[in-house]
Protein backbone atom coordinates (compact mmCIF):
# COMPACT_ATOMS: atom_id res chain seq x y z
CA MET A 1 -0.09 0.07 0.01
CA ALA A 2 1.11 3.39 -0.95
CA GLU A 3 1.16 6.19 1.44
CA LYS A 4 -0.77 9.31 0.58
CA PRO A 5 0.24 12.50 2.23
CA PRO A 6 -2.72 14.20 3.50
CA PRO A 7 -3.79 17.39 1.63
CA PRO A 8 -3.37 20.56 3.83
CA ASN A 9 -6.08 22.77 5.10
CA LEU A 10 -8.94 20.15 5.25
CA SER A 11 -12.07 20.81 7.52
CA ASN A 12 -12.40 18.50 10.48
CA ASP A 13 -15.21 16.42 8.97
CA GLN A 14 -13.08 15.49 5.52
CA ILE A 15 -10.03 14.53 8.02
CA ARG A 16 -12.57 12.37 9.80
CA HIS A 17 -13.77 10.51 6.54
CA GLN A 18 -9.92 9.89 5.36
CA ILE A 19 -9.39 8.62 9.03
CA ALA A 20 -12.17 5.93 8.70
CA LYS A 21 -11.12 5.01 5.36
CA ALA A 22 -7.67 4.18 6.65
CA VAL A 23 -8.80 2.22 9.24
CA GLU A 24 -10.75 0.15 6.82
CA GLU A 25 -7.69 -0.40 4.88
CA GLU A 26 -5.94 -0.81 8.26
CA ASP A 27 -3.22 1.80 7.94
CA PHE A 28 -3.11 2.79 11.35
CA GLU A 29 0.02 4.78 11.12
CA LEU A 30 -1.87 7.16 8.31
CA ALA A 31 -5.27 7.45 10.60
CA ALA A 32 -2.65 8.14 13.70
CA GLU A 33 -1.25 11.22 11.52
CA LEU A 34 -4.39 12.38 10.35
CA LYS A 35 -5.95 12.06 13.88
CA LYS A 36 -3.23 14.77 15.12
CA LYS A 37 -4.30 17.24 12.39
CA LEU A 38 -7.68 17.36 13.78
CA SER A 39 -8.32 20.65 15.46
CA PRO A 40 -9.76 20.46 18.78
CA PRO A 41 -13.27 21.68 19.55
CA PRO A 42 -13.48 25.21 20.63
CA GLN A 43 -13.79 25.43 24.49
CA ALA A 44 -16.11 27.36 26.32
CA PRO A 45 -14.41 30.14 28.26
CA PRO A 46 -13.89 29.68 31.92
CA PRO A 47 -16.90 31.62 33.63
CA PRO A 48 -15.26 34.81 35.02
CA LYS A 49 -14.26 34.92 39.00
CA PRO A 50 -16.57 36.43 41.48
CA LYS A 51 -15.01 40.00 42.92
CA PRO A 52 -14.32 39.10 46.72
CA THR A 53 -16.54 41.41 48.91
CA LYS A 54 -15.48 42.97 52.09
CA GLN A 55 -16.37 41.07 54.86
CA ALA A 56 -15.59 41.28 58.64
CA PRO A 57 -12.79 38.73 59.74
CA PRO A 58 -13.72 36.05 61.61
CA PRO A 59 -14.10 35.82 65.20
CA PRO A 60 -10.87 33.96 66.60
CA LYS A 61 -11.33 30.36 67.40
CA PRO A 62 -11.18 29.57 71.21
CA LYS A 63 -7.82 27.96 71.97
CA LYS A 64 -8.24 24.23 72.52
CA GLY A 65 -7.87 22.78 75.89
CA LYS A 66 -7.44 19.43 77.11
CA PRO A 67 -10.14 17.02 76.36
CA GLY A 68 -12.76 17.04 78.48
CA GLN A 69 -12.09 20.67 79.85
CA PRO A 70 -13.71 23.87 78.55
CA PRO A 71 -11.52 25.66 76.17
CA LEU A 72 -9.01 28.20 77.15
CA SER A 73 -9.94 31.79 76.95
CA ASN A 74 -7.77 34.94 75.77
CA LYS A 75 -7.86 36.40 79.68
CA LYS A 76 -4.87 36.27 81.46
CA SER A 77 -5.21 33.47 83.64
CA ARG A 78 -4.50 33.44 87.48
CA ARG A 79 -2.21 31.72 89.54
CA ILE A 80 -3.48 29.16 91.71
CA LYS A 81 -2.64 29.96 95.27
CA ILE A 82 -2.06 26.70 97.69
CA LYS A 83 -2.13 27.18 101.31
CA LEU A 84 0.87 25.10 102.70
CA GLY A 85 0.69 24.40 106.17
CA LEU A 86 1.93 21.92 108.78
CA LYS A 87 -1.11 20.00 110.37
CA ALA A 88 1.16 19.41 113.69
CA LYS A 89 1.22 22.91 115.51
CA LYS A 90 4.62 21.75 117.57
CA ILE A 91 7.16 19.00 117.18
CA SER A 92 6.93 16.31 120.01
CA GLU A 93 9.71 15.59 122.16
CA GLU A 94 9.73 12.07 121.02
CA LEU A 95 10.33 12.73 117.33
CA ASP A 96 13.07 15.38 118.20
CA SER A 97 15.14 13.13 119.75
CA TYR A 98 17.30 11.67 116.94
CA THR A 99 21.04 11.11 117.36
CA ASP A 100 23.15 10.19 114.98
CA GLN A 101 24.88 6.70 115.36
CA VAL A 102 27.44 5.33 113.13
CA GLY A 103 28.28 1.72 112.71
CA TRP A 104 26.46 -1.63 113.42
CA THR A 105 23.15 -1.13 115.93
CA SER A 106 21.09 -4.19 117.38
CA SER A 107 17.67 -4.05 118.14
CA ILE A 108 16.61 -3.87 121.79
CA GLN A 109 13.65 -6.24 121.41
CA THR A 110 14.09 -9.59 119.23
CA ASN A 111 11.08 -11.17 118.28
CA GLU A 112 11.45 -14.94 117.35
CA GLU A 113 8.11 -14.81 115.64
CA GLU A 114 8.89 -12.08 113.17
CA PHE A 115 11.68 -14.49 112.13
CA ASP A 116 9.78 -17.51 112.02
CA GLU A 117 7.46 -15.50 109.36
CA ALA A 118 10.44 -14.30 107.46
CA ILE A 119 11.42 -17.94 106.69
CA ILE A 120 10.08 -19.18 103.72
CA LYS A 121 9.28 -22.90 104.25
CA ALA A 122 10.03 -25.12 101.17
CA PRO A 123 7.28 -27.35 99.93
CA GLU A 124 7.43 -30.77 101.52
CA SER A 125 6.99 -32.57 98.20
CA ILE A 126 8.22 -31.91 94.64
CA THR A 127 6.51 -32.68 90.95
CA HIS A 128 8.87 -35.04 88.91
CA PHE A 129 8.22 -36.31 85.33
CA CYS A 130 8.95 -39.83 84.24
CA SER A 131 11.54 -39.27 81.55
CA MET A 132 10.13 -42.32 79.77
CA CYS A 133 6.44 -42.06 79.73
CA GLY A 134 6.19 -38.48 81.04
CA ILE A 135 3.78 -39.20 83.76
CA ARG A 136 3.63 -36.56 86.50
CA MET A 137 4.55 -37.82 90.15
CA GLU A 138 4.72 -36.11 93.62
CA ILE A 139 7.28 -37.29 95.54
CA PRO A 140 8.37 -36.21 99.07
CA ARG A 141 11.34 -33.86 99.10
CA PRO A 142 14.58 -35.87 99.02
CA LYS A 143 17.23 -35.25 101.67
CA ARG A 144 20.09 -36.29 99.88
CA ASP A 145 21.70 -34.78 96.62
CA ARG A 146 21.42 -38.03 94.41
CA TYR A 147 18.49 -40.18 94.75
CA LYS A 148 16.11 -42.90 92.37
CA VAL A 149 12.51 -42.05 91.41
CA ILE A 150 10.69 -45.40 90.11
CA CYS A 151 7.85 -44.66 87.91
CA ALA A 152 4.42 -45.27 89.66
CA TYR A 153 2.75 -46.21 86.26
CA PRO A 154 2.82 -49.92 86.29
CA GLU A 155 3.50 -50.55 82.58
CA CYS A 156 6.35 -48.54 82.67
CA GLY A 157 8.45 -49.04 85.82
CA HIS A 158 11.32 -46.99 84.63
CA GLU A 159 13.91 -45.89 86.98
CA ASP A 160 15.20 -42.29 86.98
CA MET A 161 18.50 -41.33 88.84
CA ILE A 162 18.56 -37.56 89.93
CA GLY A 163 21.45 -35.85 90.84
CA ILE A 164 24.04 -37.78 88.94
């Protein structure tokens, strides 16, 4: 197919007709060139912007305070006056008898009950899991470092040596 250069100064209708012919003949390159030559349709001019009218400025927005509190005002804030005072009118003699001591001190009274409460008693039994079958056993706390535990499950009968 031989390409025909488009004649200059054609109207939009004539160019559209030539584009349709080029598409029917499957000459898409010619159709693309013709489409470039189409003049865009005239656009309506944008509407004129309205003239700004002089208005009073909007009132200032109140300053935001913390959530749940009223907004802050423009007034000068007052200082909060806190009255500080001691509840006791005078210091008692017992509290005033402080003497500085350096070194070890011993308490005058020793209560054995206080020491008994402070000692944490270890549980009398411990939980042991058989290494063969995994059954959990409650056994009395051993008195030695090394001991042997026999599994309580009758089909297992495994002996665990602990502390080796």
